[in-house]
Each structure stands twice: as structure tokens, then as C-alpha cells.
Protein backbone atom coordinates (compact mmCIF):
# COMPACT_ATOMS: atom_id res chain seq x y z
CA MET A 1 -0.04 -0.03 0.00
CA PRO A 2 1.25 3.56 -0.88
CA ARG A 3 1.97 5.96 1.88
CA LYS A 4 -0.65 8.35 2.88
CA ASN A 5 -0.37 12.01 3.73
CA ILE A 6 1.91 12.63 0.82
CA PHE A 7 2.02 16.41 -0.32
CA ILE A 8 3.52 17.05 -3.70
CA THR A 9 4.26 20.51 -4.85
CA PHE A 10 5.26 21.74 -8.32
CA GLU A 11 7.39 24.77 -8.66
CA GLY A 12 9.04 26.75 -11.47
CA ILE A 13 8.88 30.15 -13.42
CA ASP A 14 6.08 30.79 -15.89
CA GLY A 15 6.53 28.62 -18.91
CA ALA A 16 8.39 25.72 -17.12
CA GLY A 17 5.52 23.45 -17.67
CA LYS A 18 4.72 22.49 -14.10
CA THR A 19 0.98 22.77 -14.57
CA THR A 20 1.08 20.22 -17.48
CA GLN A 21 3.36 17.97 -15.52
CA ALA A 22 1.17 18.14 -12.34
CA LYS A 23 -1.77 17.02 -14.32
CA LEU A 24 0.12 14.10 -15.87
CA LEU A 25 1.30 12.97 -12.50
CA ALA A 26 -2.28 13.09 -11.00
CA ARG A 27 -3.55 11.13 -13.87
CA TYR A 28 -0.71 8.54 -13.36
CA LEU A 29 -1.32 8.11 -9.79
CA GLN A 30 -5.03 7.70 -10.21
CA ARG A 31 -4.39 5.01 -12.78
CA ILE A 32 -2.36 3.06 -10.18
CA GLY A 33 -5.11 3.32 -7.82
CA CYS A 34 -4.13 6.22 -5.56
CA LYS A 35 -6.59 8.88 -4.30
CA VAL A 36 -5.46 12.25 -5.58
CA LEU A 37 -6.32 15.72 -5.18
CA LEU A 38 -4.85 18.11 -7.82
CA THR A 39 -5.16 21.79 -6.72
CA MET A 40 -3.29 25.11 -7.32
CA GLU A 41 -2.25 28.36 -5.68
CA PRO A 42 -3.42 30.99 -5.62
CA GLY A 43 -6.87 29.33 -6.01
CA GLY A 44 -8.36 25.93 -5.14
CA GLU A 45 -11.47 27.11 -3.34
CA ALA A 46 -13.90 30.13 -3.41
CA LEU A 47 -12.12 32.74 -1.62
CA SER A 48 -8.76 31.87 -2.85
CA ASP A 49 -10.14 32.11 -6.49
CA MET A 50 -11.44 35.50 -5.67
CA ILE A 51 -8.09 36.64 -4.49
CA ARG A 52 -6.47 35.05 -7.58
CA ASN A 53 -8.88 37.07 -9.78
CA ILE A 54 -7.86 40.31 -7.84
CA ILE A 55 -4.21 39.60 -8.38
CA PHE A 56 -4.19 38.73 -11.96
CA THR A 57 -7.02 40.75 -13.56
CA SER A 58 -7.32 43.91 -11.55
CA SER A 59 -7.07 47.02 -13.55
CA PHE A 60 -5.29 48.91 -10.71
CA LYS A 61 -1.77 48.75 -9.45
CA ILE A 62 -1.27 46.39 -6.48
CA CYS A 63 2.07 47.08 -4.49
CA SER A 64 4.37 44.26 -3.75
CA LEU A 65 3.63 44.14 -0.03
CA SER A 66 -0.25 44.09 -0.69
CA GLU A 67 0.26 41.20 -3.20
CA LEU A 68 2.20 39.25 -0.59
CA PHE A 69 -0.64 39.47 2.01
CA LEU A 70 -3.10 38.60 -0.74
CA TYR A 71 -1.13 35.27 -1.65
CA GLU A 72 -0.70 34.57 2.01
CA ALA A 73 -4.52 35.04 2.65
CA ALA A 74 -5.42 32.70 -0.24
CA ARG A 75 -2.97 30.09 0.99
CA ALA A 76 -4.42 30.28 4.69
CA GLN A 77 -7.90 29.62 3.21
CA HIS A 78 -6.81 27.05 0.82
CA THR A 79 -4.64 25.06 3.13
CA MET A 80 -7.38 24.87 5.81
CA ASP A 81 -10.37 24.30 3.72
CA ILE A 82 -8.73 21.95 0.90
CA ILE A 83 -5.32 20.70 1.48
CA LEU A 84 -5.30 19.74 5.10
CA PRO A 85 -8.75 17.73 4.91
CA ALA A 86 -7.59 16.02 1.86
CA LEU A 87 -4.35 14.83 3.54
CA LYS A 88 -6.24 13.87 6.56
CA GLN A 89 -8.71 11.69 4.46
CA GLY A 90 -5.62 9.83 2.90
CA SER A 91 -5.38 11.59 -0.51
CA ILE A 92 -2.07 12.35 -2.10
CA VAL A 93 -2.32 16.08 -2.64
CA ILE A 94 -0.58 17.71 -5.67
CA CYS A 95 -0.61 21.40 -5.65
CA ASP A 96 0.64 23.72 -8.48
CA ARG A 97 2.76 26.21 -6.42
CA PHE A 98 2.94 26.67 -2.59
CA ILE A 99 5.40 28.27 -0.27
CA ASP A 100 8.45 28.16 -2.41
CA SER A 101 6.70 30.33 -5.06
CA THR A 102 6.22 33.14 -2.47
CA ILE A 103 9.91 33.04 -1.50
CA ALA A 104 11.08 33.20 -5.13
CA TYR A 105 8.54 35.57 -6.58
CA GLN A 106 8.03 38.03 -3.67
CA GLY A 107 11.19 37.47 -2.01
CA TYR A 108 13.81 37.29 -4.87
CA GLY A 109 11.86 38.95 -7.45
CA CYS A 110 10.05 41.74 -5.67
CA LYS A 111 12.84 42.07 -3.03
CA ILE A 112 10.59 41.69 -0.01
CA ASP A 113 12.35 40.67 3.27
CA LEU A 114 12.89 36.96 3.19
CA GLU A 115 12.42 36.56 6.98
CA LEU A 116 9.11 38.30 6.74
CA ILE A 117 7.93 36.00 3.98
CA GLN A 118 9.09 32.87 5.81
CA LYS A 119 7.15 33.83 8.86
CA LEU A 120 3.90 34.60 6.89
CA ASN A 121 4.45 31.37 4.93
CA SER A 122 4.67 29.37 8.11
CA ILE A 123 1.52 31.08 9.45
CA ALA A 124 -0.58 30.79 6.42
CA SER A 125 0.38 27.22 5.71
CA TYR A 126 -0.38 26.17 9.35
CA GLN A 127 3.42 25.00 9.33
CA LEU A 128 2.64 22.49 6.56
CA LEU A 129 5.65 21.61 4.50
CA PRO A 130 5.44 19.50 1.32
CA THR A 131 6.70 15.84 1.40
CA ILE A 132 8.47 16.63 -1.81
CA THR A 133 8.77 19.53 -4.23
CA LEU A 134 9.47 19.29 -7.92
CA TYR A 135 11.09 22.19 -9.27
CA LEU A 136 11.16 22.46 -13.03
CA ASP A 137 14.02 24.42 -13.94
CA ILE A 138 14.28 26.46 -17.07
CA VAL A 139 16.19 29.38 -18.39
CA PRO A 140 13.85 32.42 -18.25
CA VAL A 141 14.42 33.58 -21.83
CA ILE A 142 13.19 30.13 -22.99
CA GLY A 143 10.39 29.82 -20.68
CA LEU A 144 9.09 33.17 -21.55
CA ASP A 145 9.10 32.30 -25.15
CA ARG A 146 6.43 29.52 -24.30
CA GLU A 147 3.96 31.53 -22.64
CA VAL A 148 2.30 34.99 -23.45
CA ILE A 149 3.17 37.16 -20.32
CA LYS A 150 0.87 40.02 -19.97
CA ARG A 151 1.57 41.23 -16.46
CA LYS A 152 2.54 44.88 -17.31
CA LYS A 153 3.00 45.50 -13.50
CA ILE A 154 6.50 43.82 -13.74
CA LYS A 155 9.37 46.05 -15.00
CA SER A 156 12.12 44.39 -16.79
CA ILE A 157 10.41 40.92 -17.39
CA LEU A 158 13.64 39.09 -18.03
CA GLN A 159 15.60 40.32 -15.16
CA PHE A 160 12.63 39.59 -12.75
CA TYR A 161 12.49 36.05 -13.84
CA ASN A 162 16.16 35.63 -13.60
CA ASN A 163 15.96 36.73 -10.02
CA VAL A 164 13.01 34.33 -9.46
CA ARG A 165 14.97 31.40 -10.80
CA THR A 166 17.86 32.40 -8.54
CA GLY A 167 15.67 32.28 -5.58
CA TYR A 168 14.39 28.83 -6.59
CA LEU A 169 17.88 27.52 -7.06
CA ILE A 170 19.05 28.89 -3.52
CA GLN A 171 15.95 27.20 -2.06
CA ALA A 172 16.64 23.98 -3.83
CA LYS A 173 20.24 23.85 -2.41
CA LYS A 174 19.01 24.84 0.99
CA HIS A 175 16.34 22.24 1.21
CA SER A 176 17.96 19.72 -1.09
CA LYS A 177 16.16 16.60 0.60
CA ARG A 178 12.81 18.08 -0.17
CA ILE A 179 13.32 19.99 -3.38
CA HIS A 180 14.28 18.07 -6.52
CA ILE A 181 15.48 20.10 -9.35
CA ILE A 182 14.35 18.62 -12.73
CA LYS A 183 16.00 20.26 -15.97
CA SER A 184 13.59 21.11 -18.74
CA THR A 185 13.97 18.47 -21.52
CA SER A 186 11.07 16.90 -23.38
CA LEU A 187 7.61 16.45 -21.77
CA ARG A 188 7.91 12.77 -21.86
CA GLN A 189 11.29 12.66 -20.33
CA ILE A 190 10.30 15.03 -17.45
CA GLN A 191 7.36 12.93 -16.63
CA ILE A 192 9.39 9.77 -16.42
CA GLU A 193 11.81 11.35 -14.13
CA ILE A 194 8.86 12.61 -12.04
CA ARG A 195 7.42 9.30 -11.83
CA PHE A 196 10.70 7.68 -10.82
CA ILE A 197 11.05 10.06 -7.92
CA ILE A 198 7.48 9.69 -6.80
CA ASN A 199 7.42 5.89 -7.26
CA LYS A 200 10.20 5.71 -4.79
CA ILE A 201 8.32 7.71 -2.31
CA LEU A 202 5.44 5.33 -2.80
CA LYS A 203 7.83 2.38 -2.54
CA TYR A 204 6.28 1.14 -5.63
CA ALA A 205 8.11 -0.70 -8.41
CA GLN A 206 8.29 1.18 -11.58
CA ILE A 207 5.08 0.64 -13.59
CA LYS A 208 5.10 1.26 -17.35
CA THR A 209 2.12 3.21 -18.32
CA LYS A 210 1.58 5.54 -21.37
CA ILE A 211 2.23 9.26 -20.75
């Protein structure tokens, strides 16, 4: 039987392919008999979805500190109402972004105090840490070519994402047992590597299934 209370997070800059890989992993785990909840941040429940809408579609400028508090508010509601109950019920929870995104984007990208972010992350997540974090690493100039970026509030898009990537890599080095760096290759090769890592956690033998 697979372990319960497994919390998997996907991280990476925009265009890294994490959302696609999270969906593929969820489908794979369901096919081999696991109970899976796939969710995302910000979002995943009603209030968090409203906050997501404010952050990404508002016509007015939101300062970096306000944006940080909005992300943390969305996380607190999402963690309490969705993630923790699912883990308690024995589901494997896969979340597209979690605390590491806030450190990378708001900390290294927007230059907000890292100690403040870490404190807020701990409070908003109820001190929940992922079992494992899969960081999809890609050079920003390549990732940004893959996705249409319309966030006009960010000056110097490329430099911003270079800073975010640096933040992720620092986090990965600091928390090497939890954060696995997966280099961007082909969609299939990335998923094979992800399944290998997750199967070891589940203590399953490798199971060949179509991607």
C-alpha cells in the first residue's frame, strides 16, 4: 500500500511546464489506484479564487507588499479548507505552487524581506511543508518564449524572472532533501523522471504506463 499524507508541490517560473506535469502525474497516480487531489495556488477554493482574480485581472496597481498579503490570505484559506482535509482523508495532494513560489517571486523577484515571507508562509500554511517539491528548472528567456506574459506591472520581465530562478535554485540547495531540481527537457522525459522520484516515495516498483 502507498504511503498516505503525501503532499507534492510543483514549482517553477512561468513557462516551465509545471501545470502540465502536475496534471500528468495526477492522472498517473489515479491509474495506479491512488486517491489524488490536484489543486493550485492561488486558488483551489472560493475565497482563494476570488483573490487570484484580484491579483491577476485587476485594473489597478497592487503594490508588492499588498500582493504578498493577498497570496498568504489565499494560502491560509486554501490550506485549511482543501489541503489539510484531503491529507487527513488519505489523499495524495498535488499542488501547483506553494510556499516556495512566494519566496522566489515575492522574495527574490520583488525584493521583499525573506524573513518576513518565511514567517508569513509558516503562519498561512499552518506550518505544513510539502513531502516533496518538484522544481522544473528552465532558463527564463526560453520559458518566457513558451508563454504569453501580460503582467505589465513587472518592469524588466527578463531580469525579474532571472531573480526568481535564482531564488528557486537557492531554495533547492538549502532544502535539497525536499526539493528536486528537474531540468527542462522533453515533456515525456520530465514525466518519466518525476514518476521515478514519486514511485520511490510510494515504494512502488516502476510501472510502465503511457504518458
